[in-house]
Amino acid sequence: MLEIGAFEAKNKLAALLDAVERGDEVVITRRGKPVAKLVSATAGSDRAKAVAAAHRIMALRQGVTLGGDVTLKGLIYDGLR
């Protein structure tokens, strides 16, 4: 992630847009404090992909057990000790 002051960002906007296009994120600061972030317009989550991934994970776990007398409650309890 790149960090740049507001005055410099104004003067280098084209170069910053090129960096964002390459996948970088740019934080613009004023007096050292972050005030804005430049990110790709196409960046973000794709709900359809996330749902498909969740379905694949659920399908993979079908038939998987902890084995024997191991329970989730027991594992949590052991982790708290």
N, C-alpha and C. Protein backbone atom coordinates (compact mmCIF):
# COMPACT_ATOMS: atom_id res chain seq x y z
N MET A 1 0.84 -1.16 0.00
CA MET A 1 0.00 0.00 0.00
C MET A 1 0.90 1.24 0.00
N LEU A 2 0.59 2.14 -0.87
CA LEU A 2 1.34 3.38 -0.97
C LEU A 2 0.69 4.45 -0.10
N GLU A 3 1.49 5.33 0.45
CA GLU A 3 0.97 6.46 1.23
C GLU A 3 1.56 7.73 0.66
N ILE A 4 0.72 8.73 0.45
CA ILE A 4 1.16 9.96 -0.18
C ILE A 4 0.37 11.14 0.39
N GLY A 5 1.03 12.28 0.51
CA GLY A 5 0.36 13.48 0.99
C GLY A 5 -0.59 14.04 -0.05
N ALA A 6 -1.59 14.78 0.39
CA ALA A 6 -2.63 15.31 -0.49
C ALA A 6 -2.05 16.22 -1.57
N PHE A 7 -1.13 17.10 -1.21
CA PHE A 7 -0.56 18.02 -2.19
C PHE A 7 0.18 17.25 -3.28
N GLU A 8 0.99 16.27 -2.86
CA GLU A 8 1.73 15.48 -3.83
C GLU A 8 0.79 14.62 -4.67
N ALA A 9 -0.26 14.10 -4.06
CA ALA A 9 -1.23 13.28 -4.79
C ALA A 9 -1.89 14.08 -5.91
N LYS A 10 -2.18 15.35 -5.63
CA LYS A 10 -2.80 16.21 -6.65
C LYS A 10 -1.87 16.35 -7.85
N ASN A 11 -0.59 16.45 -7.58
CA ASN A 11 0.39 16.64 -8.65
C ASN A 11 0.74 15.35 -9.38
N LYS A 12 0.47 14.21 -8.77
CA LYS A 12 0.86 12.92 -9.36
C LYS A 12 -0.34 12.01 -9.60
N LEU A 13 -1.49 12.59 -9.83
CA LEU A 13 -2.70 11.79 -9.97
C LEU A 13 -2.59 10.71 -11.05
N ALA A 14 -2.05 11.04 -12.21
CA ALA A 14 -1.95 10.06 -13.30
C ALA A 14 -1.11 8.86 -12.87
N ALA A 15 0.00 9.11 -12.21
CA ALA A 15 0.87 8.01 -11.76
C ALA A 15 0.17 7.18 -10.69
N LEU A 16 -0.60 7.83 -9.81
CA LEU A 16 -1.33 7.10 -8.79
C LEU A 16 -2.41 6.22 -9.40
N LEU A 17 -3.10 6.74 -10.41
CA LEU A 17 -4.11 5.93 -11.10
C LEU A 17 -3.48 4.72 -11.78
N ASP A 18 -2.28 4.90 -12.34
CA ASP A 18 -1.58 3.76 -12.93
C ASP A 18 -1.27 2.70 -11.87
N ALA A 19 -0.84 3.15 -10.68
CA ALA A 19 -0.53 2.22 -9.60
C ALA A 19 -1.77 1.46 -9.15
N VAL A 20 -2.89 2.17 -9.04
CA VAL A 20 -4.14 1.53 -8.65
C VAL A 20 -4.58 0.53 -9.70
N GLU A 21 -4.38 0.87 -10.95
CA GLU A 21 -4.75 -0.03 -12.05
C GLU A 21 -3.93 -1.32 -11.99
N ARG A 22 -2.70 -1.23 -11.48
CA ARG A 22 -1.84 -2.41 -11.32
C ARG A 22 -2.20 -3.23 -10.10
N GLY A 23 -3.13 -2.72 -9.29
CA GLY A 23 -3.56 -3.48 -8.12
C GLY A 23 -3.14 -2.89 -6.79
N ASP A 24 -2.36 -1.81 -6.78
CA ASP A 24 -1.95 -1.18 -5.53
C ASP A 24 -3.11 -0.39 -4.93
N GLU A 25 -3.03 -0.15 -3.64
CA GLU A 25 -3.94 0.76 -2.96
C GLU A 25 -3.12 1.97 -2.54
N VAL A 26 -3.71 3.14 -2.60
CA VAL A 26 -3.01 4.37 -2.27
C VAL A 26 -3.77 5.09 -1.17
N VAL A 27 -3.09 5.36 -0.06
CA VAL A 27 -3.69 6.12 1.03
C VAL A 27 -3.21 7.55 0.90
N ILE A 28 -4.16 8.48 0.88
CA ILE A 28 -3.83 9.90 0.79
C ILE A 28 -3.96 10.50 2.18
N THR A 29 -2.91 11.20 2.59
CA THR A 29 -2.88 11.76 3.93
C THR A 29 -2.90 13.29 3.89
N ARG A 30 -3.33 13.85 5.00
CA ARG A 30 -3.27 15.30 5.19
C ARG A 30 -2.64 15.50 6.56
N ARG A 31 -1.50 16.17 6.57
CA ARG A 31 -0.73 16.37 7.81
C ARG A 31 -0.45 15.06 8.51
N GLY A 32 -0.15 14.02 7.71
CA GLY A 32 0.22 12.72 8.26
C GLY A 32 -0.93 11.82 8.65
N LYS A 33 -2.15 12.29 8.56
CA LYS A 33 -3.31 11.48 8.93
C LYS A 33 -4.04 11.01 7.67
N PRO A 34 -4.37 9.72 7.59
CA PRO A 34 -5.09 9.20 6.43
C PRO A 34 -6.46 9.85 6.28
N VAL A 35 -6.77 10.29 5.06
CA VAL A 35 -8.08 10.90 4.80
C VAL A 35 -8.84 10.22 3.65
N ALA A 36 -8.12 9.50 2.80
CA ALA A 36 -8.78 8.85 1.67
C ALA A 36 -7.96 7.67 1.20
N LYS A 37 -8.62 6.78 0.46
CA LYS A 37 -7.94 5.62 -0.11
C LYS A 37 -8.37 5.46 -1.56
N LEU A 38 -7.39 5.34 -2.46
CA LEU A 38 -7.69 5.05 -3.86
C LEU A 38 -7.58 3.55 -4.06
N VAL A 39 -8.63 2.94 -4.56
CA VAL A 39 -8.63 1.51 -4.85
C VAL A 39 -9.26 1.30 -6.22
N SER A 40 -9.03 0.14 -6.79
CA SER A 40 -9.57 -0.18 -8.09
C SER A 40 -11.10 -0.17 -8.05
N ALA A 41 -11.70 0.34 -9.09
CA ALA A 41 -13.15 0.36 -9.18
C ALA A 41 -13.73 -1.04 -9.31
N THR A 42 -12.93 -1.98 -9.79
CA THR A 42 -13.40 -3.35 -9.96
C THR A 42 -13.03 -4.23 -8.79
N ALA A 43 -12.29 -3.69 -7.81
CA ALA A 43 -11.91 -4.48 -6.64
C ALA A 43 -13.13 -4.68 -5.76
N GLY A 44 -13.05 -5.66 -4.91
CA GLY A 44 -14.15 -5.92 -3.99
C GLY A 44 -14.53 -7.38 -4.04
N SER A 45 -15.55 -7.71 -3.31
CA SER A 45 -15.96 -9.10 -3.24
C SER A 45 -16.99 -9.40 -4.32
N ASP A 46 -16.94 -10.60 -4.79
CA ASP A 46 -17.91 -11.09 -5.76
C ASP A 46 -18.80 -12.08 -5.03
N ARG A 47 -20.03 -11.68 -4.75
CA ARG A 47 -20.92 -12.51 -3.94
C ARG A 47 -21.12 -13.89 -4.55
N ALA A 48 -21.24 -13.98 -5.85
CA ALA A 48 -21.45 -15.28 -6.49
C ALA A 48 -20.26 -16.21 -6.26
N LYS A 49 -19.06 -15.66 -6.35
CA LYS A 49 -17.85 -16.47 -6.10
C LYS A 49 -17.79 -16.91 -4.64
N ALA A 50 -18.15 -16.01 -3.73
CA ALA A 50 -18.12 -16.35 -2.30
C ALA A 50 -19.12 -17.46 -1.98
N VAL A 51 -20.31 -17.37 -2.55
CA VAL A 51 -21.33 -18.39 -2.31
C VAL A 51 -20.88 -19.72 -2.89
N ALA A 52 -20.30 -19.71 -4.08
CA ALA A 52 -19.80 -20.95 -4.69
C ALA A 52 -18.70 -21.56 -3.84
N ALA A 53 -17.81 -20.74 -3.30
CA ALA A 53 -16.73 -21.25 -2.44
C ALA A 53 -17.31 -21.87 -1.17
N ALA A 54 -18.32 -21.24 -0.58
CA ALA A 54 -18.95 -21.78 0.62
C ALA A 54 -19.59 -23.13 0.33
N HIS A 55 -20.22 -23.26 -0.81
CA HIS A 55 -20.84 -24.55 -1.18
C HIS A 55 -19.77 -25.62 -1.38
N ARG A 56 -18.65 -25.26 -1.97
CA ARG A 56 -17.56 -26.24 -2.15
C ARG A 56 -17.02 -26.70 -0.79
N ILE A 57 -16.87 -25.76 0.14
CA ILE A 57 -16.38 -26.12 1.48
C ILE A 57 -17.36 -27.04 2.18
N MET A 58 -18.66 -26.74 2.09
CA MET A 58 -19.67 -27.58 2.73
C MET A 58 -19.68 -28.98 2.10
N ALA A 59 -19.48 -29.06 0.79
CA ALA A 59 -19.46 -30.36 0.12
C ALA A 59 -18.23 -31.17 0.56
N LEU A 60 -17.11 -30.50 0.74
CA LEU A 60 -15.89 -31.20 1.16
C LEU A 60 -16.00 -31.77 2.57
N ARG A 61 -16.76 -31.12 3.43
CA ARG A 61 -16.83 -31.58 4.81
C ARG A 61 -17.84 -32.71 5.01
N GLN A 62 -18.63 -33.01 4.00
CA GLN A 62 -19.60 -34.09 4.11
C GLN A 62 -18.87 -35.40 4.40
N GLY A 63 -19.30 -36.09 5.44
CA GLY A 63 -18.72 -37.39 5.78
C GLY A 63 -17.44 -37.29 6.61
N VAL A 64 -16.96 -36.10 6.88
CA VAL A 64 -15.76 -35.93 7.69
C VAL A 64 -16.17 -35.87 9.15
N THR A 65 -15.52 -36.69 9.97
CA THR A 65 -15.83 -36.70 11.40
C THR A 65 -14.55 -36.44 12.19
N LEU A 66 -14.74 -36.13 13.46
CA LEU A 66 -13.60 -35.92 14.34
C LEU A 66 -13.02 -37.25 14.79
N GLY A 67 -13.79 -38.29 14.69
CA GLY A 67 -13.32 -39.63 15.02
C GLY A 67 -13.48 -39.95 16.50
N GLY A 68 -13.85 -41.20 16.76
CA GLY A 68 -13.96 -41.67 18.14
C GLY A 68 -14.91 -40.85 18.98
N ASP A 69 -14.47 -40.58 20.22
CA ASP A 69 -15.31 -39.83 21.14
C ASP A 69 -14.95 -38.36 21.20
N VAL A 70 -14.25 -37.86 20.20
CA VAL A 70 -13.87 -36.45 20.14
C VAL A 70 -15.09 -35.62 19.73
N THR A 71 -15.34 -34.58 20.50
CA THR A 71 -16.46 -33.69 20.18
C THR A 71 -15.95 -32.26 20.06
N LEU A 72 -16.70 -31.45 19.40
CA LEU A 72 -16.33 -30.05 19.27
C LEU A 72 -16.30 -29.38 20.64
N LYS A 73 -17.29 -29.67 21.49
CA LYS A 73 -17.30 -29.11 22.84
C LYS A 73 -16.05 -29.51 23.60
N GLY A 74 -15.65 -30.74 23.46
CA GLY A 74 -14.44 -31.21 24.14
C GLY A 74 -13.20 -30.49 23.65
N LEU A 75 -13.10 -30.29 22.36
CA LEU A 75 -11.95 -29.57 21.81
C LEU A 75 -11.91 -28.13 22.32
N ILE A 76 -13.07 -27.49 22.37
CA ILE A 76 -13.14 -26.12 22.88
C ILE A 76 -12.73 -26.10 24.34
N TYR A 77 -13.25 -27.04 25.12
CA TYR A 77 -12.92 -27.10 26.54
C TYR A 77 -11.41 -27.30 26.72
N ASP A 78 -10.83 -28.20 25.96
CA ASP A 78 -9.38 -28.46 26.07
C ASP A 78 -8.58 -27.22 25.69
N GLY A 79 -9.08 -26.45 24.74
CA GLY A 79 -8.37 -25.24 24.33
C GLY A 79 -8.44 -24.15 25.38
N LEU A 80 -9.45 -24.19 26.24
CA LEU A 80 -9.61 -23.16 27.27
C LEU A 80 -8.77 -23.47 28.51
N ARG A 81 -8.30 -24.69 28.63
CA ARG A 81 -7.50 -25.04 29.81
C ARG A 81 -6.10 -24.57 29.67
